[in-house]
Structures are given as C-alpha cells and as structure tokens.
Amino acid sequence: MLSEPLRYELYGLRHGNPYRIEPLDPLARAGDRALLVDIDGFVSTEALRAYLRESVAAGESAFVVVSGRDYTGRTTIANHVLDVYREVSELDDRLLVSRIKVGHNRDFEWVKEAMVELQNEIEEADLTLSPALTESLNTIEGIDEGVYQSRYRGLARRLHGELAGQARGRCSFGVVFEGLRQTSLVDAMRKVFKSSRSIAVFTHGDYKHANTPSYEELSRLDVHLIKLEPLKGEQVRCLAEERWRAASALPSPFPPDSLETAWPAPTPIKSVVKTLSLLLDIRLGSAADHGPWPDNTELEIPHRFMFFMIRMLNELGAS
C-alpha cells in the first residue's frame, strides 16, 4: 500500500520541501534562485559580483575556483557563480554551459571534452552559426595536443563573436569543471578562453594529502577563489529561516534559538539541509491532520523534538 503524499501546503509550501538536498541550479530552475541564501561568512556574493563586473567591463573572461570539503555545497555555489555571471552580463537565460567531471590529470582531454560539450549545447539551443565556424568546430576532436590551446583559443574567440550577434539576443558560454586535480587545467583554460569573454568555474576538494592542489596553491592563481567552510550555529539559523521565508508566507515551525544550539559544532551545509528536510517531513508525516500551520500546533517542531530526532538520525547515520 502506497503512503499518502506529504501535504506541504499545510505549511504554506507550494513547491514542496524547501530543504532539498540536491544541488540548486537557478539556470535550470528559476525557483532555485530564491533558495540561494546569502549567509554571512559563507560566500560573499558582493565580492563575487564585483569581480565578475570588473571582468565583464574589461572585456575579459572570468575564472572562479570553488574550494571546500565534501557536503560544503561546491556544486550549488558553482551554479550560483554562473547565475551571477549571467545577471552581470545581462544575458537573461542565454548562457550556454558545458559541465565536465574531471577524472584524471590529462588537461588536453578535459578541455577537448568541454569544447565538444559546448558545441552540443549550441546545437540543442538551435542557435545559428556560420558554415565556416560550424566546419571548424567539427574539427575539434581531431586537433593535435601540441597545438590545442592556440587552436581552441581561436575557436572560442570566433564563437564569442557569433553568439554575441544572435538574432534572438546576445548569448555567451561557460564551462564548469567538477573536481579540479591540478592547477595546470586552470592555466590551460586561461589560454583557451583568453579572448572569448566567457567564464570557467572549477570545483576543488580541499583535502590535505589528497591528489589535488592545496588551497595555498590555488591562492597563487589569478582567479576569484571561494573557500567554503562548515556552518556555525548562527549560520544554520540564517539558512533555515531565509529558505523558509523564500518558500512560505507562514512563520517557520523551527524555534530560532534551537536552530543555533542544535548544531553545536560546525557542520557542512548539505548535512544541515538534509537534517532540516528530514525533520520537516517527519513532523508533517506524524502530526494529526487538524488543519494548516500555525493554527494546527501539532505541526510545530519544538526544541525537544528537534534534539531527540537529530540525535536519533545521527545514530542511524541518516543525517
């Protein structure tokens, strides 16, 4: 027998649980934009926007590295970077993005794959390119490793020119590399995107003794570097409350002070969001259906319930 679907509308939530754990992507889902909360001390959108504005105004490509450990939100923040770039560049929804998961240290292979994926994105968007550029793009996979940077740079420059002149509105493009393994990939993309007025974003696992660059190595690169840290109690409260306000006009069922004290140690944002999501679903599934919150006080998530459930979820390894 199938269980009844949870009635999120009792909390005034029209689009389901606001604490979804999958990466937010405002370029793909406009509704995610409101859930990307500015948390003091986590990511400075103001500093990011200033860097991107400076790059766009100078006619230069932008390069951003998002560094953090697992569950710190690297993919979501990479998507946020692209969305801010789209906004600063006044592109509406006309930013084509190639997404690459880096699996080894051969830069040539990943840059080539990124260029091929960009070509696929252009075709799927049904954009019109000149026959000459289309023919040149079709040679991407046959370009030799010894000359790929200069050849790809020429293609990227021509691609920028033709996408900027599209009849439906100016378009641009960018690449996300998930899992940066060596700084030479950043250097390679700086050369390839040198004249294309585009953006490259890299996510980086910040682990000592791992087969990745150290944070100190990244800090020496000519990039905008974002370092993600686990959330402290007051940041958890900000995240929970601001996401709720973005999703519902009703008051939050979480007691504010409990949101700070329930996470006494810094915790990665994805773990926090997962726990908030489970708490909301458990409460909604167990409360008697006596109408919507806040009149139905059984939908409140009180202090003792929060702490008991968080302890139980931790013991079960579910948070």
C-alpha atoms as a PDB file:
ATOM      1  CA  MET A   1       0.000   0.000   0.000  1.00  0.00           C
ATOM      2  CA  LEU A   2       1.437   3.357  -1.027  1.00  0.00           C
ATOM      3  CA  SER A   3       1.757   6.016   1.669  1.00  0.00           C
ATOM      4  CA  GLU A   4      -0.101   9.273   1.244  1.00  0.00           C
ATOM      5  CA  PRO A   5       1.994  12.131  -0.177  1.00  0.00           C
ATOM      6  CA  LEU A   6       3.064  14.723   2.360  1.00  0.00           C
ATOM      7  CA  ARG A   7       0.839  17.807   2.372  1.00  0.00           C
ATOM      8  CA  TYR A   8       3.404  20.588   2.249  1.00  0.00           C
ATOM      9  CA  GLU A   9       0.615  23.078   1.598  1.00  0.00           C
ATOM     10  CA  LEU A  10      -0.263  22.815   5.320  1.00  0.00           C
ATOM     11  CA  TYR A  11       2.949  24.777   5.888  1.00  0.00           C
ATOM     12  CA  GLY A  12       2.172  27.183   3.051  1.00  0.00           C
ATOM     13  CA  LEU A  13       4.803  25.481   0.885  1.00  0.00           C
ATOM     14  CA  ARG A  14       3.578  25.487  -2.706  1.00  0.00           C
ATOM     15  CA  HIS A  15       6.707  23.915  -4.192  1.00  0.00           C
ATOM     16  CA  GLY A  16       7.471  21.154  -1.729  1.00  0.00           C
ATOM     17  CA  ASN A  17      10.222  20.904   0.853  1.00  0.00           C
ATOM     18  CA  PRO A  18      12.498  23.995   0.694  1.00  0.00           C
ATOM     19  CA  TYR A  19      15.376  21.996   2.196  1.00  0.00           C
ATOM     20  CA  ARG A  20      16.015  19.796  -0.819  1.00  0.00           C
ATOM     21  CA  ILE A  21      19.487  18.254  -0.748  1.00  0.00           C
ATOM     22  CA  GLU A  22      20.178  18.132  -4.490  1.00  0.00           C
ATOM     23  CA  PRO A  23      22.326  20.996  -5.823  1.00  0.00           C
ATOM     24  CA  LEU A  24      20.435  24.205  -6.525  1.00  0.00           C
ATOM     25  CA  ASP A  25      20.660  25.348 -10.140  1.00  0.00           C
ATOM     26  CA  PRO A  26      18.940  28.671 -10.899  1.00  0.00           C
ATOM     27  CA  LEU A  27      19.941  28.485 -14.571  1.00  0.00           C
ATOM     28  CA  ALA A  28      17.889  25.305 -14.952  1.00  0.00           C
ATOM     29  CA  ARG A  29      15.177  26.082 -12.364  1.00  0.00           C
ATOM     30  CA  ALA A  30      14.409  29.752 -11.775  1.00  0.00           C
ATOM     31  CA  GLY A  31      12.683  28.917  -8.477  1.00  0.00           C
ATOM     32  CA  ASP A  32      16.029  27.814  -7.010  1.00  0.00           C
ATOM     33  CA  ARG A  33      17.254  31.410  -7.129  1.00  0.00           C
ATOM     34  CA  ALA A  34      15.210  32.377  -4.057  1.00  0.00           C
ATOM     35  CA  LEU A  35      16.629  29.425  -2.089  1.00  0.00           C
ATOM     36  CA  LEU A  36      20.237  30.549  -2.613  1.00  0.00           C
ATOM     37  CA  VAL A  37      20.561  32.330   0.703  1.00  0.00           C
ATOM     38  CA  ASP A  38      23.309  34.859   1.423  1.00  0.00           C
ATOM     39  CA  ILE A  39      24.824  33.611   4.682  1.00  0.00           C
ATOM     40  CA  ASP A  40      27.216  35.954   6.451  1.00  0.00           C
ATOM     41  CA  GLY A  41      30.697  34.435   6.464  1.00  0.00           C
ATOM     42  CA  PHE A  42      29.866  31.677   3.974  1.00  0.00           C
ATOM     43  CA  VAL A  43      30.035  33.128   0.447  1.00  0.00           C
ATOM     44  CA  SER A  44      30.342  36.833  -0.315  1.00  0.00           C
ATOM     45  CA  THR A  45      28.080  37.359  -3.313  1.00  0.00           C
ATOM     46  CA  GLU A  46      29.007  41.044  -3.183  1.00  0.00           C
ATOM     47  CA  ALA A  47      32.713  40.279  -3.701  1.00  0.00           C
ATOM     48  CA  LEU A  48      31.886  37.740  -6.418  1.00  0.00           C
ATOM     49  CA  ARG A  49      29.645  40.211  -8.238  1.00  0.00           C
ATOM     50  CA  ALA A  50      32.349  42.905  -8.048  1.00  0.00           C
ATOM     51  CA  TYR A  51      34.937  40.546  -9.588  1.00  0.00           C
ATOM     52  CA  LEU A  52      32.591  39.459 -12.375  1.00  0.00           C
ATOM     53  CA  ARG A  53      31.555  43.042 -13.149  1.00  0.00           C
ATOM     54  CA  GLU A  54      35.198  44.044 -13.394  1.00  0.00           C
ATOM     55  CA  SER A  55      35.923  41.137 -15.767  1.00  0.00           C
ATOM     56  CA  VAL A  56      32.909  41.879 -17.972  1.00  0.00           C
ATOM     57  CA  ALA A  57      33.644  45.623 -18.069  1.00  0.00           C
ATOM     58  CA  ALA A  58      37.251  44.923 -19.103  1.00  0.00           C
ATOM     59  CA  GLY A  59      36.132  42.533 -21.860  1.00  0.00           C
ATOM     60  CA  GLU A  60      37.952  39.661 -20.153  1.00  0.00           C
ATOM     61  CA  SER A  61      36.961  36.103 -19.312  1.00  0.00           C
ATOM     62  CA  ALA A  62      36.278  35.240 -15.671  1.00  0.00           C
ATOM     63  CA  PHE A  63      37.869  32.366 -13.744  1.00  0.00           C
ATOM     64  CA  VAL A  64      36.474  31.175 -10.408  1.00  0.00           C
ATOM     65  CA  VAL A  65      37.540  28.294  -8.153  1.00  0.00           C
ATOM     66  CA  VAL A  66      35.098  26.997  -5.512  1.00  0.00           C
ATOM     67  CA  SER A  67      37.046  25.075  -2.860  1.00  0.00           C
ATOM     68  CA  GLY A  68      35.666  23.035   0.019  1.00  0.00           C
ATOM     69  CA  ARG A  69      35.326  19.593   1.528  1.00  0.00           C
ATOM     70  CA  ASP A  70      32.534  17.152   0.780  1.00  0.00           C
ATOM     71  CA  TYR A  71      28.978  18.347   1.530  1.00  0.00           C
ATOM     72  CA  THR A  72      30.005  22.017   1.689  1.00  0.00           C
ATOM     73  CA  GLY A  73      27.926  22.942  -1.362  1.00  0.00           C
ATOM     74  CA  ARG A  74      30.566  23.225  -4.085  1.00  0.00           C
ATOM     75  CA  THR A  75      28.246  22.377  -6.995  1.00  0.00           C
ATOM     76  CA  THR A  76      25.472  24.691  -5.781  1.00  0.00           C
ATOM     77  CA  ILE A  77      27.913  27.574  -5.377  1.00  0.00           C
ATOM     78  CA  ALA A  78      29.412  26.893  -8.822  1.00  0.00           C
ATOM     79  CA  ASN A  79      25.872  27.180 -10.208  1.00  0.00           C
ATOM     80  CA  HIS A  80      25.410  30.387  -8.203  1.00  0.00           C
ATOM     81  CA  VAL A  81      28.586  31.799  -9.776  1.00  0.00           C
ATOM     82  CA  LEU A  82      27.199  31.118 -13.252  1.00  0.00           C
ATOM     83  CA  ASP A  83      23.888  32.740 -12.349  1.00  0.00           C
ATOM     84  CA  VAL A  84      25.572  35.894 -11.045  1.00  0.00           C
ATOM     85  CA  TYR A  85      27.681  35.987 -14.214  1.00  0.00           C
ATOM     86  CA  ARG A  86      24.502  35.704 -16.292  1.00  0.00           C
ATOM     87  CA  GLU A  87      22.995  38.601 -14.339  1.00  0.00           C
ATOM     88  CA  VAL A  88      26.091  40.819 -14.541  1.00  0.00           C
ATOM     89  CA  SER A  89      26.449  40.115 -18.275  1.00  0.00           C
ATOM     90  CA  GLU A  90      22.728  40.858 -18.847  1.00  0.00           C
ATOM     91  CA  LEU A  91      22.239  37.554 -20.660  1.00  0.00           C
ATOM     92  CA  ASP A  92      18.757  36.644 -19.358  1.00  0.00           C
ATOM     93  CA  ASP A  93      18.637  32.864 -19.957  1.00  0.00           C
ATOM     94  CA  ARG A  94      21.156  32.878 -22.807  1.00  0.00           C
ATOM     95  CA  LEU A  95      24.209  31.394 -21.092  1.00  0.00           C
ATOM     96  CA  LEU A  96      25.290  28.039 -22.514  1.00  0.00           C
ATOM     97  CA  VAL A  97      27.120  25.839 -20.006  1.00  0.00           C
ATOM     98  CA  SER A  98      29.338  22.807 -20.532  1.00  0.00           C
ATOM     99  CA  ARG A  99      29.739  20.620 -17.416  1.00  0.00           C
ATOM    100  CA  ILE A 100      32.712  18.282 -17.102  1.00  0.00           C
ATOM    101  CA  LYS A 101      33.627  15.825 -14.323  1.00  0.00           C
ATOM    102  CA  VAL A 102      37.423  15.666 -14.191  1.00  0.00           C
ATOM    103  CA  GLY A 103      38.636  12.083 -13.833  1.00  0.00           C
ATOM    104  CA  HIS A 104      42.412  12.217 -14.426  1.00  0.00           C
ATOM    105  CA  ASN A 105      45.279  14.641 -14.970  1.00  0.00           C
ATOM    106  CA  ARG A 106      45.359  14.971 -18.769  1.00  0.00           C
ATOM    107  CA  ASP A 107      44.261  18.584 -19.249  1.00  0.00           C
ATOM    108  CA  PHE A 108      44.012  18.204 -23.015  1.00  0.00           C
ATOM    109  CA  GLU A 109      41.274  15.570 -22.735  1.00  0.00           C
ATOM    110  CA  TRP A 110      39.121  17.674 -20.398  1.00  0.00           C
ATOM    111  CA  VAL A 111      39.479  20.888 -22.378  1.00  0.00           C
ATOM    112  CA  LYS A 112      38.602  18.983 -25.546  1.00  0.00           C
ATOM    113  CA  GLU A 113      35.559  17.433 -23.869  1.00  0.00           C
ATOM    114  CA  ALA A 114      34.458  20.877 -22.682  1.00  0.00           C
ATOM    115  CA  MET A 115      34.668  22.286 -26.211  1.00  0.00           C
ATOM    116  CA  VAL A 116      32.728  19.327 -27.629  1.00  0.00           C
ATOM    117  CA  GLU A 117      30.040  19.764 -24.967  1.00  0.00           C
ATOM    118  CA  LEU A 118      29.765  23.466 -25.805  1.00  0.00           C
ATOM    119  CA  GLN A 119      29.175  22.525 -29.418  1.00  0.00           C
ATOM    120  CA  ASN A 120      26.421  20.144 -28.278  1.00  0.00           C
ATOM    121  CA  GLU A 121      24.830  22.882 -26.149  1.00  0.00           C
ATOM    122  CA  ILE A 122      24.792  25.218 -29.148  1.00  0.00           C
ATOM    123  CA  GLU A 123      23.099  22.597 -31.298  1.00  0.00           C
ATOM    124  CA  GLU A 124      20.499  21.832 -28.611  1.00  0.00           C
ATOM    125  CA  ALA A 125      19.760  25.548 -28.244  1.00  0.00           C
ATOM    126  CA  ASP A 126      19.145  25.661 -32.016  1.00  0.00           C
ATOM    127  CA  LEU A 127      21.494  28.621 -32.491  1.00  0.00           C
ATOM    128  CA  THR A 128      22.733  29.584 -35.930  1.00  0.00           C
ATOM    129  CA  LEU A 129      26.455  29.711 -36.648  1.00  0.00           C
ATOM    130  CA  SER A 130      28.206  30.474 -39.905  1.00  0.00           C
ATOM    131  CA  PRO A 131      29.090  27.472 -42.108  1.00  0.00           C
ATOM    132  CA  ALA A 132      32.784  28.308 -41.705  1.00  0.00           C
ATOM    133  CA  LEU A 133      32.658  28.249 -37.892  1.00  0.00           C
ATOM    134  CA  THR A 134      30.463  25.142 -37.869  1.00  0.00           C
ATOM    135  CA  GLU A 135      33.009  23.374 -40.070  1.00  0.00           C
ATOM    136  CA  SER A 136      35.847  24.476 -37.779  1.00  0.00           C
ATOM    137  CA  LEU A 137      34.010  23.280 -34.660  1.00  0.00           C
ATOM    138  CA  ASN A 138      33.561  19.891 -36.293  1.00  0.00           C
ATOM    139  CA  THR A 139      37.363  19.515 -36.305  1.00  0.00           C
ATOM    140  CA  ILE A 140      37.698  19.900 -32.505  1.00  0.00           C
ATOM    141  CA  GLU A 141      38.296  16.232 -31.761  1.00  0.00           C
ATOM    142  CA  GLY A 142      40.953  15.974 -34.465  1.00  0.00           C
ATOM    143  CA  ILE A 143      43.112  18.849 -33.213  1.00  0.00           C
ATOM    144  CA  ASP A 144      46.525  17.659 -32.010  1.00  0.00           C
ATOM    145  CA  GLU A 145      47.501  18.003 -28.358  1.00  0.00           C
ATOM    146  CA  GLY A 146      50.602  20.001 -29.240  1.00  0.00           C
ATOM    147  CA  VAL A 147      48.607  22.889 -30.727  1.00  0.00           C
ATOM    148  CA  TYR A 148      45.227  22.563 -29.000  1.00  0.00           C
ATOM    149  CA  GLN A 149      45.460  25.654 -26.795  1.00  0.00           C
ATOM    150  CA  SER A 150      46.053  28.106 -29.639  1.00  0.00           C
ATOM    151  CA  ARG A 151      43.553  26.389 -31.958  1.00  0.00           C
ATOM    152  CA  TYR A 152      40.843  26.218 -29.289  1.00  0.00           C
ATOM    153  CA  ARG A 153      41.518  29.847 -28.356  1.00  0.00           C
ATOM    154  CA  GLY A 154      40.798  30.881 -31.930  1.00  0.00           C
ATOM    155  CA  LEU A 155      37.591  28.831 -31.979  1.00  0.00           C
ATOM    156  CA  ALA A 156      36.437  30.264 -28.632  1.00  0.00           C
ATOM    157  CA  ARG A 157      37.070  33.819 -29.844  1.00  0.00           C
ATOM    158  CA  ARG A 158      35.094  33.240 -33.041  1.00  0.00           C
ATOM    159  CA  LEU A 159      32.348  31.516 -31.074  1.00  0.00           C
ATOM    160  CA  HIS A 160      32.013  34.536 -28.785  1.00  0.00           C
ATOM    161  CA  GLY A 161      31.675  36.836 -31.773  1.00  0.00           C
ATOM    162  CA  GLU A 162      28.909  34.832 -33.426  1.00  0.00           C
ATOM    163  CA  LEU A 163      26.962  34.108 -30.234  1.00  0.00           C
ATOM    164  CA  ALA A 164      27.056  37.791 -29.311  1.00  0.00           C
ATOM    165  CA  GLY A 165      25.325  38.604 -32.592  1.00  0.00           C
ATOM    166  CA  GLN A 166      22.424  36.139 -32.382  1.00  0.00           C
ATOM    167  CA  ALA A 167      19.100  37.477 -33.642  1.00  0.00           C
ATOM    168  CA  ARG A 168      17.228  36.238 -30.549  1.00  0.00           C
ATOM    169  CA  GLY A 169      19.604  38.131 -28.259  1.00  0.00           C
ATOM    170  CA  ARG A 170      23.237  38.126 -27.232  1.00  0.00           C
ATOM    171  CA  CYS A 171      24.434  34.742 -25.933  1.00  0.00           C
ATOM    172  CA  SER A 172      27.579  33.656 -24.153  1.00  0.00           C
ATOM    173  CA  PHE A 173      29.069  30.455 -22.789  1.00  0.00           C
ATOM    174  CA  GLY A 174      30.914  28.959 -19.855  1.00  0.00           C
ATOM    175  CA  VAL A 175      32.380  25.729 -18.521  1.00  0.00           C
ATOM    176  CA  VAL A 176      32.206  24.053 -15.102  1.00  0.00           C
ATOM    177  CA  PHE A 177      34.948  21.552 -14.251  1.00  0.00           C
ATOM    178  CA  GLU A 178      33.941  19.406 -11.260  1.00  0.00           C
ATOM    179  CA  GLY A 179      36.894  18.034  -9.290  1.00  0.00           C
ATOM    180  CA  LEU A 180      40.000  20.086 -10.116  1.00  0.00           C
ATOM    181  CA  ARG A 181      43.071  17.842  -9.881  1.00  0.00           C
ATOM    182  CA  GLN A 182      45.905  20.159 -10.861  1.00  0.00           C
ATOM    183  CA  THR A 183      46.359  23.882 -11.386  1.00  0.00           C
ATOM    184  CA  SER A 184      47.603  23.356 -14.943  1.00  0.00           C
ATOM    185  CA  LEU A 185      43.967  22.861 -16.031  1.00  0.00           C
ATOM    186  CA  VAL A 186      43.208  26.411 -14.874  1.00  0.00           C
ATOM    187  CA  ASP A 187      46.241  27.666 -16.793  1.00  0.00           C
ATOM    188  CA  ALA A 188      45.111  25.795 -19.902  1.00  0.00           C
ATOM    189  CA  MET A 189      41.621  27.292 -19.737  1.00  0.00           C
ATOM    190  CA  ARG A 190      43.030  30.777 -19.209  1.00  0.00           C
ATOM    191  CA  LYS A 191      44.827  30.391 -22.533  1.00  0.00           C
ATOM    192  CA  VAL A 192      41.844  28.857 -24.341  1.00  0.00           C
ATOM    193  CA  PHE A 193      39.314  31.425 -23.041  1.00  0.00           C
ATOM    194  CA  LYS A 194      41.748  34.358 -23.173  1.00  0.00           C
ATOM    195  CA  SER A 195      39.841  36.285 -25.869  1.00  0.00           C
ATOM    196  CA  SER A 196      36.352  34.793 -25.603  1.00  0.00           C
ATOM    197  CA  ARG A 197      34.749  36.945 -22.863  1.00  0.00           C
ATOM    198  CA  SER A 198      33.318  33.868 -21.177  1.00  0.00           C
ATOM    199  CA  ILE A 199      33.628  32.098 -17.814  1.00  0.00           C
ATOM    200  CA  ALA A 200      35.276  28.964 -16.423  1.00  0.00           C
ATOM    201  CA  VAL A 201      34.376  27.659 -12.954  1.00  0.00           C
ATOM    202  CA  PHE A 202      36.278  24.903 -11.143  1.00  0.00           C
ATOM    203  CA  THR A 203      35.229  22.978  -8.034  1.00  0.00           C
ATOM    204  CA  HIS A 204      38.022  21.718  -5.799  1.00  0.00           C
ATOM    205  CA  GLY A 205      38.108  19.170  -2.972  1.00  0.00           C
ATOM    206  CA  ASP A 206      40.049  20.845  -0.163  1.00  0.00           C
ATOM    207  CA  TYR A 207      41.818  17.895   1.466  1.00  0.00           C
ATOM    208  CA  LYS A 208      45.356  17.606   2.772  1.00  0.00           C
ATOM    209  CA  HIS A 209      47.399  14.701   1.388  1.00  0.00           C
ATOM    210  CA  ALA A 210      44.866  14.257  -1.450  1.00  0.00           C
ATOM    211  CA  ASN A 211      45.693  14.098  -5.136  1.00  0.00           C
ATOM    212  CA  THR A 212      44.532  17.690  -5.609  1.00  0.00           C
ATOM    213  CA  PRO A 213      46.158  21.123  -5.376  1.00  0.00           C
ATOM    214  CA  SER A 214      46.430  22.618  -1.908  1.00  0.00           C
ATOM    215  CA  TYR A 215      44.439  25.712  -1.023  1.00  0.00           C
ATOM    216  CA  GLU A 216      47.745  27.588  -0.849  1.00  0.00           C
ATOM    217  CA  GLU A 217      48.498  26.626  -4.464  1.00  0.00           C
ATOM    218  CA  LEU A 218      45.066  27.839  -5.544  1.00  0.00           C
ATOM    219  CA  SER A 219      45.551  31.165  -3.760  1.00  0.00           C
ATOM    220  CA  ARG A 220      48.501  31.895  -6.046  1.00  0.00           C
ATOM    221  CA  LEU A 221      46.375  31.577  -9.192  1.00  0.00           C
ATOM    222  CA  ASP A 222      44.895  34.600 -10.937  1.00  0.00           C
ATOM    223  CA  VAL A 223      41.311  33.575 -10.135  1.00  0.00           C
ATOM    224  CA  HIS A 224      38.471  34.567  -7.835  1.00  0.00           C
ATOM    225  CA  LEU A 225      38.778  31.975  -5.067  1.00  0.00           C
ATOM    226  CA  ILE A 226      35.800  30.971  -2.900  1.00  0.00           C
ATOM    227  CA  LYS A 227      36.541  28.835   0.165  1.00  0.00           C
ATOM    228  CA  LEU A 228      33.555  27.010   1.668  1.00  0.00           C
ATOM    229  CA  GLU A 229      33.550  26.219   5.386  1.00  0.00           C
ATOM    230  CA  PRO A 230      31.097  24.212   7.528  1.00  0.00           C
ATOM    231  CA  LEU A 231      28.269  26.265   9.038  1.00  0.00           C
ATOM    232  CA  LYS A 232      28.222  27.507  12.626  1.00  0.00           C
ATOM    233  CA  GLY A 233      25.049  27.731  14.698  1.00  0.00           C
ATOM    234  CA  GLU A 234      24.069  31.278  13.727  1.00  0.00           C
ATOM    235  CA  GLN A 235      24.674  30.436  10.061  1.00  0.00           C
ATOM    236  CA  VAL A 236      22.419  27.372  10.365  1.00  0.00           C
ATOM    237  CA  ARG A 237      19.686  29.623  11.738  1.00  0.00           C
ATOM    238  CA  CYS A 238      20.115  32.078   8.870  1.00  0.00           C
ATOM    239  CA  LEU A 239      19.985  29.277   6.291  1.00  0.00           C
ATOM    240  CA  ALA A 240      16.875  27.658   7.793  1.00  0.00           C
ATOM    241  CA  GLU A 241      14.949  30.890   8.276  1.00  0.00           C
ATOM    242  CA  GLU A 242      15.809  32.544   4.968  1.00  0.00           C
ATOM    243  CA  ARG A 243      14.988  29.449   2.928  1.00  0.00           C
ATOM    244  CA  TRP A 244      11.687  29.200   4.765  1.00  0.00           C
ATOM    245  CA  ARG A 245      10.844  32.865   4.087  1.00  0.00           C
ATOM    246  CA  ALA A 246      11.611  32.338   0.406  1.00  0.00           C
ATOM    247  CA  ALA A 247       9.204  29.398   0.233  1.00  0.00           C
ATOM    248  CA  SER A 248       6.308  30.228   2.586  1.00  0.00           C
ATOM    249  CA  ALA A 249       4.424  33.267   3.873  1.00  0.00           C
ATOM    250  CA  LEU A 250       3.703  31.426   7.135  1.00  0.00           C
ATOM    251  CA  PRO A 251       6.033  31.596  10.160  1.00  0.00           C
ATOM    252  CA  SER A 252       8.749  28.987  10.454  1.00  0.00           C
ATOM    253  CA  PRO A 253       7.886  25.945  12.614  1.00  0.00           C
ATOM    254  CA  PHE A 254      11.502  25.779  13.853  1.00  0.00           C
ATOM    255  CA  PRO A 255      12.252  27.611  17.141  1.00  0.00           C
ATOM    256  CA  PRO A 256      15.015  30.144  16.265  1.00  0.00           C
ATOM    257  CA  ASP A 257      17.224  29.578  19.319  1.00  0.00           C
ATOM    258  CA  SER A 258      17.058  25.820  18.848  1.00  0.00           C
ATOM    259  CA  LEU A 259      18.349  26.174  15.300  1.00  0.00           C
ATOM    260  CA  GLU A 260      21.568  27.633  16.703  1.00  0.00           C
ATOM    261  CA  THR A 261      22.056  25.198  19.572  1.00  0.00           C
ATOM    262  CA  ALA A 262      21.063  22.013  17.717  1.00  0.00           C
ATOM    263  CA  TRP A 263      24.341  22.150  15.760  1.00  0.00           C
ATOM    264  CA  PRO A 264      27.000  22.875  18.437  1.00  0.00           C
ATOM    265  CA  ALA A 265      29.877  22.008  16.098  1.00  0.00           C
ATOM    266  CA  PRO A 266      30.452  23.402  12.583  1.00  0.00           C
ATOM    267  CA  THR A 267      28.548  21.222  10.108  1.00  0.00           C
ATOM    268  CA  PRO A 268      28.687  21.075   6.281  1.00  0.00           C
ATOM    269  CA  ILE A 269      25.728  22.821   4.689  1.00  0.00           C
ATOM    270  CA  LYS A 270      24.494  19.740   2.844  1.00  0.00           C
ATOM    271  CA  SER A 271      24.275  17.783   6.113  1.00  0.00           C
ATOM    272  CA  VAL A 272      22.345  20.646   7.725  1.00  0.00           C
ATOM    273  CA  VAL A 273      19.903  20.882   4.822  1.00  0.00           C
ATOM    274  CA  LYS A 274      19.360  17.118   4.823  1.00  0.00           C
ATOM    275  CA  THR A 275      18.545  17.131   8.542  1.00  0.00           C
ATOM    276  CA  LEU A 276      16.157  20.090   8.195  1.00  0.00           C
ATOM    277  CA  SER A 277      14.435  18.302   5.328  1.00  0.00           C
ATOM    278  CA  LEU A 278      14.010  15.116   7.365  1.00  0.00           C
ATOM    279  CA  LEU A 279      12.746  16.998  10.429  1.00  0.00           C
ATOM    280  CA  LEU A 280      10.103  18.748   8.344  1.00  0.00           C
ATOM    281  CA  ASP A 281       8.987  15.546   6.625  1.00  0.00           C
ATOM    282  CA  ILE A 282       8.898  13.527   9.851  1.00  0.00           C
ATOM    283  CA  ARG A 283       6.829  16.182  11.604  1.00  0.00           C
ATOM    284  CA  LEU A 284       4.452  16.541   8.692  1.00  0.00           C
ATOM    285  CA  GLY A 285       4.040  12.785   8.410  1.00  0.00           C
ATOM    286  CA  SER A 286       3.411  12.206  12.117  1.00  0.00           C
ATOM    287  CA  ALA A 287       1.182  15.157  13.058  1.00  0.00           C
ATOM    288  CA  ALA A 288      -2.589  14.750  13.120  1.00  0.00           C
ATOM    289  CA  ASP A 289      -4.374  16.399  10.206  1.00  0.00           C
ATOM    290  CA  HIS A 290      -6.092  19.170  12.141  1.00  0.00           C
ATOM    291  CA  GLY A 291      -5.624  21.849   9.509  1.00  0.00           C
ATOM    292  CA  PRO A 292      -2.758  24.104   8.453  1.00  0.00           C
ATOM    293  CA  TRP A 293       0.065  25.558  10.463  1.00  0.00           C
ATOM    294  CA  PRO A 294       0.218  27.673  12.623  1.00  0.00           C
ATOM    295  CA  ASP A 295      -3.357  27.052  13.850  1.00  0.00           C
ATOM    296  CA  ASN A 296      -2.530  23.346  13.954  1.00  0.00           C
ATOM    297  CA  THR A 297       0.123  23.475  16.676  1.00  0.00           C
ATOM    298  CA  GLU A 298       0.958  19.794  16.169  1.00  0.00           C
ATOM    299  CA  LEU A 299       2.931  20.931  13.110  1.00  0.00           C
ATOM    300  CA  GLU A 300       5.344  22.891  15.288  1.00  0.00           C
ATOM    301  CA  ILE A 301       8.871  21.464  15.505  1.00  0.00           C
ATOM    302  CA  PRO A 302       9.662  22.132  19.180  1.00  0.00           C
ATOM    303  CA  HIS A 303      13.051  22.128  20.846  1.00  0.00           C
ATOM    304  CA  ARG A 304      12.811  18.695  22.487  1.00  0.00           C
ATOM    305  CA  PHE A 305      11.500  17.066  19.309  1.00  0.00           C
ATOM    306  CA  MET A 306      14.335  18.611  17.275  1.00  0.00           C
ATOM    307  CA  PHE A 307      17.071  17.425  19.614  1.00  0.00           C
ATOM    308  CA  PHE A 308      15.611  13.941  20.008  1.00  0.00           C
ATOM    309  CA  MET A 309      15.214  13.450  16.255  1.00  0.00           C
ATOM    310  CA  ILE A 310      18.661  14.857  15.429  1.00  0.00           C
ATOM    311  CA  ARG A 311      20.260  12.500  17.962  1.00  0.00           C
ATOM    312  CA  MET A 312      18.322   9.552  16.547  1.00  0.00           C
ATOM    313  CA  LEU A 313      19.159  10.480  12.945  1.00  0.00           C
ATOM    314  CA  ASN A 314      22.841  10.765  13.869  1.00  0.00           C
ATOM    315  CA  GLU A 315      22.773   7.324  15.493  1.00  0.00           C
ATOM    316  CA  LEU A 316      21.145   5.867  12.385  1.00  0.00           C
ATOM    317  CA  GLY A 317      23.621   7.668  10.117  1.00  0.00           C
ATOM    318  CA  ALA A 318      20.742   9.349   8.290  1.00  0.00           C
ATOM    319  CA  SER A 319      21.832  12.963   8.780  1.00  0.00           C
END
